[in-house]
Protein backbone atom coordinates (compact mmCIF):
# COMPACT_ATOMS: atom_id res chain seq x y z
CA MET A 1 68.40 -20.99 -74.83
CA ALA A 2 70.30 -18.39 -72.81
CA GLN A 3 68.28 -16.42 -70.28
CA ALA A 4 67.59 -12.85 -71.42
CA THR A 5 69.42 -10.09 -69.60
CA ILE A 6 67.62 -7.47 -67.52
CA GLN A 7 68.38 -4.89 -70.22
CA GLU A 8 66.90 -7.11 -72.95
CA GLU A 9 63.72 -7.81 -71.03
CA MET A 10 63.00 -4.22 -69.92
CA VAL A 11 59.84 -5.39 -68.17
CA THR A 12 57.97 -3.30 -65.62
CA SER A 13 58.45 -3.16 -61.85
CA GLU A 14 55.09 -4.90 -61.52
CA ARG A 15 56.34 -7.86 -63.56
CA TRP A 16 59.58 -8.09 -61.58
CA PHE A 17 57.63 -8.11 -58.32
CA GLU A 18 55.37 -10.91 -59.52
CA ARG A 19 58.45 -12.96 -60.34
CA ALA A 20 60.13 -12.05 -57.04
CA LYS A 21 57.22 -13.21 -54.89
CA LYS A 22 57.60 -16.71 -56.31
CA VAL A 23 61.23 -17.08 -55.27
CA ILE A 24 61.91 -14.51 -52.49
CA PRO A 25 59.97 -14.39 -49.18
CA GLY A 26 57.65 -11.40 -49.43
CA GLY A 27 59.19 -10.52 -52.78
CA ALA A 28 62.05 -8.43 -51.34
CA MET A 29 65.26 -8.74 -49.36
CA ARG A 30 63.92 -6.29 -46.75
CA SER A 31 60.20 -6.01 -46.15
CA PHE A 32 60.08 -2.20 -45.92
CA ARG A 33 61.27 -1.91 -49.53
CA THR A 34 57.87 -3.13 -50.68
CA TYR A 35 54.51 -1.38 -50.74
CA ALA A 36 51.14 -1.95 -52.40
CA PRO A 37 50.48 -2.70 -55.15
CA TYR A 38 54.17 -3.20 -56.01
CA PRO A 39 57.51 -1.41 -55.42
CA PHE A 40 59.60 0.13 -58.14
CA TYR A 41 62.79 -1.65 -59.15
CA GLY A 42 65.88 0.51 -59.35
CA ARG A 43 67.92 0.49 -62.53
CA ASN A 44 70.66 3.02 -61.76
CA GLY A 45 71.53 6.09 -59.75
CA ARG A 46 73.73 9.11 -60.19
CA GLY A 47 74.30 11.93 -57.74
CA SER A 48 70.97 12.73 -56.09
CA LYS A 49 68.92 10.92 -58.72
CA LEU A 50 67.50 7.40 -58.81
CA TYR A 51 66.03 5.74 -61.91
CA ASP A 52 63.58 2.85 -61.97
CA ILE A 53 63.49 -0.05 -64.40
CA GLU A 54 61.08 1.88 -66.62
CA GLY A 55 63.50 4.81 -66.82
CA ASN A 56 61.59 7.26 -64.59
CA GLU A 57 63.73 9.78 -62.71
CA TYR A 58 63.35 10.49 -58.97
CA THR A 59 65.12 12.74 -56.50
CA ASP A 60 66.43 10.23 -54.00
CA TYR A 61 66.16 10.81 -50.24
CA TRP A 62 66.30 7.06 -49.56
CA MET A 63 69.97 6.93 -50.50
CA ALA A 64 70.55 3.23 -49.85
CA HIS A 65 69.15 3.38 -46.30
CA GLY A 66 71.02 6.64 -45.72
CA ALA A 67 74.41 5.04 -46.32
CA GLU A 68 75.28 6.98 -49.47
CA VAL A 69 76.32 10.22 -47.81
CA LEU A 70 78.29 11.04 -50.97
CA GLY A 71 75.35 10.20 -53.25
CA HIS A 72 75.25 7.69 -56.07
CA LEU A 73 78.47 7.06 -58.01
CA HIS A 74 80.64 9.69 -56.37
CA PRO A 75 83.82 10.08 -58.48
CA ALA A 76 86.07 9.08 -55.56
CA VAL A 77 84.23 5.77 -55.13
CA VAL A 78 84.09 5.08 -58.87
CA LYS A 79 87.82 5.80 -59.15
CA ALA A 80 88.64 3.27 -56.44
CA VAL A 81 86.43 0.57 -57.97
CA LYS A 82 88.02 1.02 -61.41
CA GLU A 83 91.53 0.87 -59.97
CA GLN A 84 90.78 -2.22 -57.93
CA ALA A 85 89.16 -3.95 -60.94
CA GLU A 86 92.64 -4.22 -62.40
CA LEU A 87 94.06 -5.77 -59.24
CA GLY A 88 91.42 -8.17 -57.96
CA PHE A 89 88.39 -7.62 -55.73
CA HIS A 90 89.19 -10.09 -52.97
CA LEU A 91 92.61 -11.55 -52.35
CA GLY A 92 91.93 -13.17 -48.99
CA THR A 93 95.12 -11.70 -47.54
CA CYS A 94 96.05 -8.61 -45.58
CA ASN A 95 96.14 -5.56 -47.84
CA PRO A 96 97.56 -2.02 -47.55
CA TYR A 97 94.15 -0.38 -47.91
CA GLU A 98 92.82 -1.85 -44.66
CA VAL A 99 95.76 -0.25 -42.86
CA GLN A 100 95.27 3.09 -44.60
CA LEU A 101 91.53 3.11 -43.90
CA ALA A 102 92.12 2.29 -40.24
CA GLU A 103 94.64 5.13 -40.04
CA TYR A 104 92.16 7.56 -41.58
CA VAL A 105 89.35 6.63 -39.18
CA THR A 106 91.58 6.83 -36.10
CA ARG A 107 92.67 10.30 -37.23
CA LEU A 108 89.19 11.62 -38.00
CA VAL A 109 87.33 10.07 -35.04
CA PRO A 110 89.27 10.78 -31.82
CA SER A 111 87.47 8.07 -29.80
CA VAL A 112 88.76 5.39 -32.19
CA GLU A 113 92.24 4.19 -31.23
CA LYS A 114 91.93 0.83 -33.01
CA ILE A 115 89.34 -0.51 -35.45
CA SER A 116 88.27 -3.76 -37.08
CA PHE A 117 86.23 -4.14 -40.28
CA PHE A 118 83.33 -6.47 -41.09
CA ASN A 119 80.81 -7.09 -43.88
CA GLY A 120 78.04 -4.89 -42.47
CA GLY A 121 76.63 -3.13 -39.46
CA THR A 122 74.90 -6.24 -38.17
CA GLU A 123 78.19 -8.14 -37.96
CA ALA A 124 79.83 -5.14 -36.31
CA LEU A 125 77.15 -4.96 -33.61
CA MET A 126 77.29 -8.72 -33.06
CA HIS A 127 81.02 -8.50 -32.37
CA SER A 128 80.57 -5.40 -30.21
CA LEU A 129 78.43 -7.42 -27.80
CA LYS A 130 81.24 -9.92 -27.37
CA LEU A 131 83.79 -7.17 -26.86
CA VAL A 132 81.87 -5.34 -24.13
CA ARG A 133 81.15 -8.56 -22.23
CA ALA A 134 84.71 -9.85 -22.53
CA PHE A 135 86.16 -6.56 -21.34
CA THR A 136 83.83 -5.86 -18.40
CA LYS A 137 83.11 -9.46 -17.34
CA ARG A 138 79.44 -8.44 -17.15
CA ASP A 139 76.56 -9.95 -19.14
CA LYS A 140 73.83 -7.31 -19.27
CA VAL A 141 73.61 -4.50 -21.81
CA ALA A 142 71.06 -1.67 -22.08
CA LYS A 143 69.45 0.18 -24.98
CA PHE A 144 66.76 2.82 -25.39
CA GLU A 145 63.29 2.39 -26.87
CA GLY A 146 63.18 3.34 -30.53
CA HIS A 147 66.92 2.94 -31.02
CA TYR A 148 67.83 0.41 -33.69
CA HIS A 149 70.98 -1.67 -33.33
CA SER A 150 70.50 -4.20 -36.14
CA VAL A 151 68.66 -7.53 -36.01
CA VAL A 152 71.20 -9.18 -33.67
CA GLU A 153 69.10 -11.24 -31.25
CA GLY A 154 70.54 -9.71 -28.11
CA LEU A 155 69.67 -6.16 -29.23
CA TYR A 156 66.64 -6.43 -31.51
CA ALA A 157 63.85 -5.29 -29.21
CA ALA A 158 61.72 -2.17 -28.69
CA THR A 159 62.76 -0.70 -32.04
CA GLY A 160 59.28 0.70 -32.69
CA PHE A 161 56.32 2.07 -30.76
CA PRO A 162 54.62 0.77 -28.79
CA PRO A 163 57.79 -1.15 -27.90
CA ASN A 164 57.93 -4.92 -28.14
CA ALA A 165 60.48 -7.47 -26.97
CA PRO A 166 61.64 -9.23 -29.01
CA ASP A 167 60.79 -7.69 -32.41
CA SER A 168 61.08 -10.94 -34.36
CA ALA A 169 59.89 -14.51 -34.25
CA GLY A 170 62.45 -17.28 -34.01
CA HIS A 171 64.66 -15.72 -31.37
CA ASP A 172 66.26 -17.93 -28.76
CA PRO A 173 63.94 -17.47 -25.75
CA LEU A 174 67.00 -16.64 -23.65
CA SER A 175 68.60 -14.25 -26.16
CA GLN A 176 67.28 -11.11 -24.48
CA LYS A 177 67.53 -12.24 -20.87
CA ASN A 178 70.46 -9.87 -20.46
CA LEU A 179 68.94 -6.92 -22.35
CA VAL A 180 67.64 -3.93 -20.39
CA VAL A 181 65.29 -1.66 -22.38
CA LEU A 182 65.22 1.95 -21.17
CA PRO A 183 62.40 4.45 -21.83
CA LEU A 184 63.16 6.91 -24.65
CA HIS A 185 64.75 10.17 -23.44
CA ASP A 186 64.52 9.05 -19.80
CA ALA A 187 67.81 10.09 -18.19
CA ASP A 188 66.76 9.16 -14.66
CA ALA A 189 65.85 5.61 -15.68
CA ALA A 190 69.18 5.27 -17.47
CA TYR A 191 71.18 6.59 -14.51
CA LYS A 192 69.32 4.23 -12.15
CA ALA A 193 70.08 1.22 -14.38
CA LEU A 194 73.74 2.19 -14.75
CA ARG A 195 74.27 2.64 -11.01
CA LYS A 196 73.41 -1.00 -10.38
CA LYS A 197 76.89 -1.62 -11.83
CA ASP A 198 75.85 -4.78 -13.64
CA LEU A 199 75.74 -3.42 -17.20
CA ALA A 200 78.56 -4.21 -19.61
CA ALA A 201 77.50 -1.40 -21.92
CA LEU A 202 74.91 1.20 -22.72
CA TYR A 203 74.05 1.24 -26.44
CA ILE A 204 72.84 4.52 -27.91
CA GLU A 205 72.21 6.33 -31.20
CA MET A 206 72.45 10.12 -31.33
CA THR A 207 69.45 10.16 -33.67
CA THR A 208 66.99 7.27 -33.80
CA SER A 209 67.27 5.49 -37.13
CA GLY A 210 63.60 5.33 -38.08
CA SER A 211 62.04 8.30 -36.34
CA CYS A 212 64.92 10.82 -36.61
CA VAL A 213 64.65 11.88 -32.96
CA ALA A 214 67.85 13.46 -31.68
CA GLU A 215 69.04 12.85 -28.14
CA GLU A 216 69.63 15.87 -25.88
CA LYS A 217 73.30 16.86 -25.55
CA GLU A 218 73.07 17.33 -21.79
CA MET A 219 71.55 13.88 -21.33
CA VAL A 220 74.29 12.27 -23.41
CA LYS A 221 76.98 14.08 -21.44
CA GLY A 222 75.35 12.87 -18.23
CA LEU A 223 75.35 9.31 -19.53
CA ARG A 224 79.06 9.63 -20.29
CA GLU A 225 79.73 10.70 -16.70
CA VAL A 226 77.67 7.93 -15.12
CA CYS A 227 79.22 5.31 -17.40
CA ASP A 228 82.63 6.47 -16.15
CA GLU A 229 81.46 6.27 -12.53
CA THR A 230 80.15 2.72 -12.95
CA ASP A 231 82.83 1.27 -15.29
CA THR A 232 80.20 0.80 -18.00
CA ILE A 233 81.12 1.00 -21.67
CA LEU A 234 79.34 3.76 -23.60
CA MET A 235 78.76 2.13 -27.00
CA LEU A 236 77.77 4.65 -29.68
CA ASP A 237 76.05 3.24 -32.76
CA GLU A 238 77.17 5.51 -35.62
CA ILE A 239 76.01 3.22 -38.40
CA VAL A 240 73.58 5.92 -39.61
CA THR A 241 75.31 9.04 -38.28
CA GLY A 242 78.97 8.19 -38.90
CA PHE A 243 80.62 10.58 -41.41
CA ARG A 244 77.24 12.22 -42.00
CA PHE A 245 77.22 15.40 -39.88
CA ALA A 246 80.97 15.82 -39.66
CA ALA A 247 84.12 13.84 -40.41
CA GLY A 248 84.12 12.86 -36.74
CA GLY A 249 80.47 11.75 -36.82
CA ALA A 250 77.66 12.67 -34.46
CA GLN A 251 80.04 12.46 -31.51
CA GLU A 252 81.90 15.46 -32.92
CA LEU A 253 78.66 17.49 -32.88
CA TYR A 254 77.81 16.33 -29.37
CA GLY A 255 81.31 16.80 -27.97
CA ILE A 256 81.25 13.30 -26.55
CA LYS A 257 83.87 10.54 -26.52
CA PRO A 258 82.36 7.03 -26.41
CA ASP A 259 84.37 3.99 -25.42
CA LEU A 260 83.30 1.93 -28.42
CA ASN A 261 81.62 2.71 -31.76
CA THR A 262 80.01 0.84 -34.62
CA PHE A 263 80.06 2.20 -38.17
CA GLY A 264 78.25 1.25 -41.38
CA LYS A 265 78.49 1.57 -45.13
CA ALA A 266 79.42 5.27 -45.17
CA ILE A 267 82.85 4.27 -43.90
CA ALA A 268 83.57 3.12 -47.47
CA GLY A 269 81.54 5.71 -49.37
CA GLY A 270 78.16 4.01 -48.98
CA GLU A 271 78.10 1.91 -52.15
CA LEU A 272 79.56 -1.36 -50.83
CA PRO A 273 78.85 -3.66 -47.86
CA VAL A 274 80.99 -2.90 -44.82
CA GLY A 275 80.74 -2.33 -41.10
CA ALA A 276 83.25 -1.66 -38.36
CA VAL A 277 83.86 -1.64 -34.63
CA GLY A 278 86.35 0.84 -33.25
CA GLY A 279 87.23 2.45 -29.95
CA ARG A 280 89.59 2.30 -27.00
CA ALA A 281 92.66 0.19 -27.64
CA ASP A 282 92.29 -1.75 -24.38
CA ILE A 283 88.80 -2.88 -25.43
CA MET A 284 89.66 -3.56 -29.07
CA ASP A 285 92.72 -5.58 -28.06
CA TRP A 286 90.40 -8.37 -26.94
CA MET A 287 90.40 -9.19 -30.67
CA ASP A 288 94.20 -9.46 -30.62
CA ALA A 289 94.93 -13.20 -30.57
CA THR A 290 98.52 -12.55 -29.48
CA LYS A 291 97.23 -10.97 -26.25
CA HIS A 292 94.08 -13.05 -25.78
CA PRO A 293 94.59 -16.36 -27.63
CA GLY A 294 91.84 -18.78 -28.57
CA SER A 295 88.77 -18.81 -26.37
CA LYS A 296 90.34 -16.23 -24.07
CA GLY A 297 89.78 -13.56 -26.71
CA VAL A 298 87.00 -12.34 -28.99
CA VAL A 299 87.26 -14.18 -32.30
CA GLN A 300 86.58 -12.19 -35.47
CA GLY A 301 85.15 -14.26 -38.28
CA GLY A 302 84.35 -13.21 -41.84
CA THR A 303 85.93 -14.34 -45.09
CA TYR A 304 85.37 -10.93 -46.69
CA ASP A 305 86.40 -8.80 -43.70
CA GLY A 306 88.89 -6.22 -44.92
CA ASN A 307 88.00 -6.91 -48.55
CA SER A 308 90.43 -5.11 -50.88
CA LEU A 309 87.72 -3.47 -52.99
CA VAL A 310 85.81 -2.12 -49.99
CA MET A 311 88.93 -0.94 -48.17
CA HIS A 312 90.17 0.85 -51.29
CA THR A 313 86.88 2.72 -51.72
CA GLY A 314 86.98 3.58 -48.03
CA VAL A 315 90.37 5.24 -48.37
CA GLU A 316 89.13 7.41 -51.24
CA ALA A 317 85.90 8.29 -49.39
CA MET A 318 87.90 9.31 -46.31
CA LYS A 319 89.82 11.83 -48.38
CA VAL A 320 86.50 13.53 -49.23
CA TYR A 321 85.32 13.42 -45.62
CA GLU A 322 88.62 14.77 -44.34
CA GLU A 323 88.58 17.71 -46.77
CA GLY A 324 85.29 18.61 -45.07
CA SER A 325 83.66 21.16 -47.39
CA MET A 326 80.63 18.89 -47.87
CA TYR A 327 79.44 19.14 -44.26
CA PRO A 328 78.45 22.81 -43.95
CA ARG A 329 76.50 22.48 -47.19
CA MET A 330 74.73 19.24 -46.22
CA ASN A 331 73.88 20.49 -42.75
CA ARG A 332 72.58 23.79 -44.13
CA LEU A 333 70.33 22.01 -46.64
CA GLY A 334 69.03 19.70 -43.92
CA ASP A 335 68.31 22.66 -41.63
CA LYS A 336 66.51 24.36 -44.52
CA LEU A 337 64.33 21.28 -44.99
CA ILE A 338 63.45 21.15 -41.29
CA ALA A 339 62.58 24.85 -41.20
CA GLY A 340 60.62 24.61 -44.45
CA LEU A 341 58.52 21.69 -43.23
CA GLU A 342 57.82 23.46 -39.93
CA ASP A 343 56.69 26.57 -41.84
CA ALA A 344 54.46 24.42 -44.06
CA ILE A 345 52.79 22.91 -40.98
CA ASP A 346 52.19 26.40 -39.56
CA GLU A 347 50.73 27.61 -42.86
CA THR A 348 48.39 24.64 -43.31
CA HIS A 349 47.61 24.08 -39.60
CA ALA A 350 48.06 20.37 -40.32
CA ASN A 351 48.18 17.80 -37.52
CA ALA A 352 51.89 17.08 -38.02
CA CYS A 353 55.32 17.80 -36.57
CA VAL A 354 58.99 17.55 -37.55
CA THR A 355 61.98 15.89 -35.91
CA GLY A 356 65.56 15.63 -37.10
CA LEU A 357 69.14 16.76 -36.86
CA HIS A 358 70.68 18.54 -39.82
CA SER A 359 70.60 16.06 -42.74
CA VAL A 360 68.35 13.45 -41.07
CA VAL A 361 64.71 14.61 -41.15
CA LYS A 362 61.24 13.20 -40.50
CA LEU A 363 57.73 14.62 -40.92
CA HIS A 364 55.38 12.92 -38.43
CA PHE A 365 51.62 12.44 -38.75
CA PRO A 366 50.28 11.57 -35.28
CA LYS A 367 46.66 10.63 -34.73
CA PRO A 368 44.34 13.49 -33.70
CA GLY A 369 44.56 14.43 -30.03
CA THR A 370 48.23 13.45 -29.67
CA ASN A 371 50.35 15.67 -27.43
CA MET A 372 52.86 17.07 -29.94
CA SER A 373 55.30 18.08 -27.20
CA ASN A 374 55.70 14.47 -26.08
CA VAL A 375 57.85 12.72 -28.68
CA ARG A 376 57.17 9.26 -27.25
CA GLU A 377 53.42 9.88 -27.59
CA VAL A 378 53.92 11.15 -31.16
CA LEU A 379 55.78 7.96 -32.09
CA THR A 380 53.29 5.67 -30.33
CA ASN A 381 50.32 7.29 -32.10
CA ALA A 382 51.70 7.36 -35.65
CA ASP A 383 49.01 7.46 -38.35
CA ILE A 384 50.41 4.76 -40.63
CA PRO A 385 47.77 5.13 -43.42
CA THR A 386 48.68 8.82 -43.72
CA GLU A 387 52.41 7.92 -43.75
CA ASN A 388 51.76 5.52 -46.62
CA ARG A 389 49.70 8.10 -48.47
CA TYR A 390 52.46 10.70 -48.08
CA PHE A 391 55.06 8.25 -49.40
CA LYS A 392 52.99 7.50 -52.51
CA TYR A 393 52.17 11.16 -53.05
CA LEU A 394 55.85 12.06 -53.08
CA LEU A 395 56.60 9.13 -55.37
CA SER A 396 53.99 10.43 -57.83
CA LYS A 397 55.89 13.74 -57.81
CA GLY A 398 59.24 12.11 -58.54
CA ILE A 399 60.55 12.02 -54.97
CA VAL A 400 61.70 8.86 -53.18
CA ALA A 401 61.61 8.94 -49.37
CA PHE A 402 62.73 6.27 -46.92
CA MET A 403 60.23 3.59 -45.77
CA PRO A 404 56.58 3.83 -46.86
CA SER A 405 55.24 3.42 -43.32
CA GLN A 406 57.81 5.63 -41.60
CA VAL A 407 58.68 8.34 -44.12
CA HIS A 408 61.93 10.18 -43.52
CA PHE A 409 64.64 11.87 -45.54
CA TYR A 410 68.42 11.62 -45.84
CA VAL A 411 69.94 14.76 -47.32
CA THR A 412 73.28 14.01 -48.98
CA TYR A 413 76.21 15.74 -50.64
CA PRO A 414 74.76 16.03 -54.18
CA HIS A 415 71.34 17.40 -53.15
CA ASN A 416 70.79 21.04 -54.02
CA GLU A 417 68.65 24.05 -53.01
CA ARG A 418 66.11 23.52 -55.78
CA GLU A 419 65.52 19.88 -54.80
CA ILE A 420 65.01 20.83 -51.14
CA GLU A 421 62.60 23.61 -52.13
CA THR A 422 60.64 21.16 -54.29
CA LEU A 423 60.38 18.67 -51.41
CA ILE A 424 59.12 21.43 -49.10
CA SER A 425 56.63 22.66 -51.70
CA GLU A 426 55.22 19.19 -52.43
CA SER A 427 55.02 18.42 -48.71
CA ARG A 428 53.09 21.65 -48.19
CA GLU A 429 50.56 20.56 -50.82
CA PHE A 430 50.18 17.18 -49.11
CA LEU A 431 49.78 18.80 -45.69
CA LYS A 432 46.72 20.62 -47.02
CA THR A 433 45.02 17.19 -47.17
CA VAL A 434 45.90 16.29 -43.57
CA PRO A 435 43.38 16.94 -40.74
CA LYS A 436 43.91 20.23 -38.90
CA ALA A 437 45.62 20.25 -35.53
């Protein structure tokens, strides 16, 4: 007898989770997608809305881990998928769309002179490590506490607070021997490490992925200067911020030009798996087998790299990014959310604070007695039970936030004033239940 389709079964999220736990470790592909007693299972999305398997509607601020800057099923992405369906999804050859997409990115992001595409951000970061070491002939790299650069062994440490190293079991004991972890926001420590002149690269995010803490512009400019002085590659991780704040990414806002960048799913509209490394031509050319053959160069491996379907959607997404009218609106809505949450805290006197940059926003619930002016202390003393309670409260009101234990919001193109006002209003009601500052 043929197995029933998902549509025919129409069972609940609870039933799907019970089945999942029997065949998938933890019942989910990523652990933070689950929460007690069971997560909801998505059925479909459109614009700013997400629907679960039972048909309930939510305003979505999860947005596929923030990747869907254009929202669910943006017409440009749908158009590309339909066109490519008539041609074939993966031909295994070079294709015109990979050239067009590369041309678009190099035009929109001035620091990118050449670019190479992969199947996701993790692959992009893995290859970036090889590039910076091959180019500089140095082994060590540095990152900041709280900055997330995928689960690549050589970078996956100190992603949370208090910081740990490494953040996963099963790592090669030597995998992080050449990783230097710098204190969050500590410019002096970073300058001191750079001036030893033994770092291949400094990895940095402009806003921390989980906690939505923005780096100071002056500090970033100082890092650029010291990297130049010490021949260290400034490697900007734009997997979350790329094409989100501006067509040129966070670096456009900061007025900074990194040597190397990594990008994520937004580079192809957010709906399909893709990552990329791009930057200075002299660094990227270490992937050019005609200049650095065999083991003398950095080998790129990935059967689906440059996949026709993904590259095609990327070209269409770039047209939307380049037109640019989405960014003032998104940034304004994000700023409205930040201001609204700050006002709600003032009104309720709740023990909470807000961090963020335009369309990336987080409401923090530190434990009582935490120094709110010290962001590192706020992150170290997070009240996880209250975070979980806030996540479930919003869910009960038809709002999906990102990560139950580290609630934050991604504002995207299709969100509107009314949805932002509702999120502020519901957050204000929740803040009334939080201990006073």
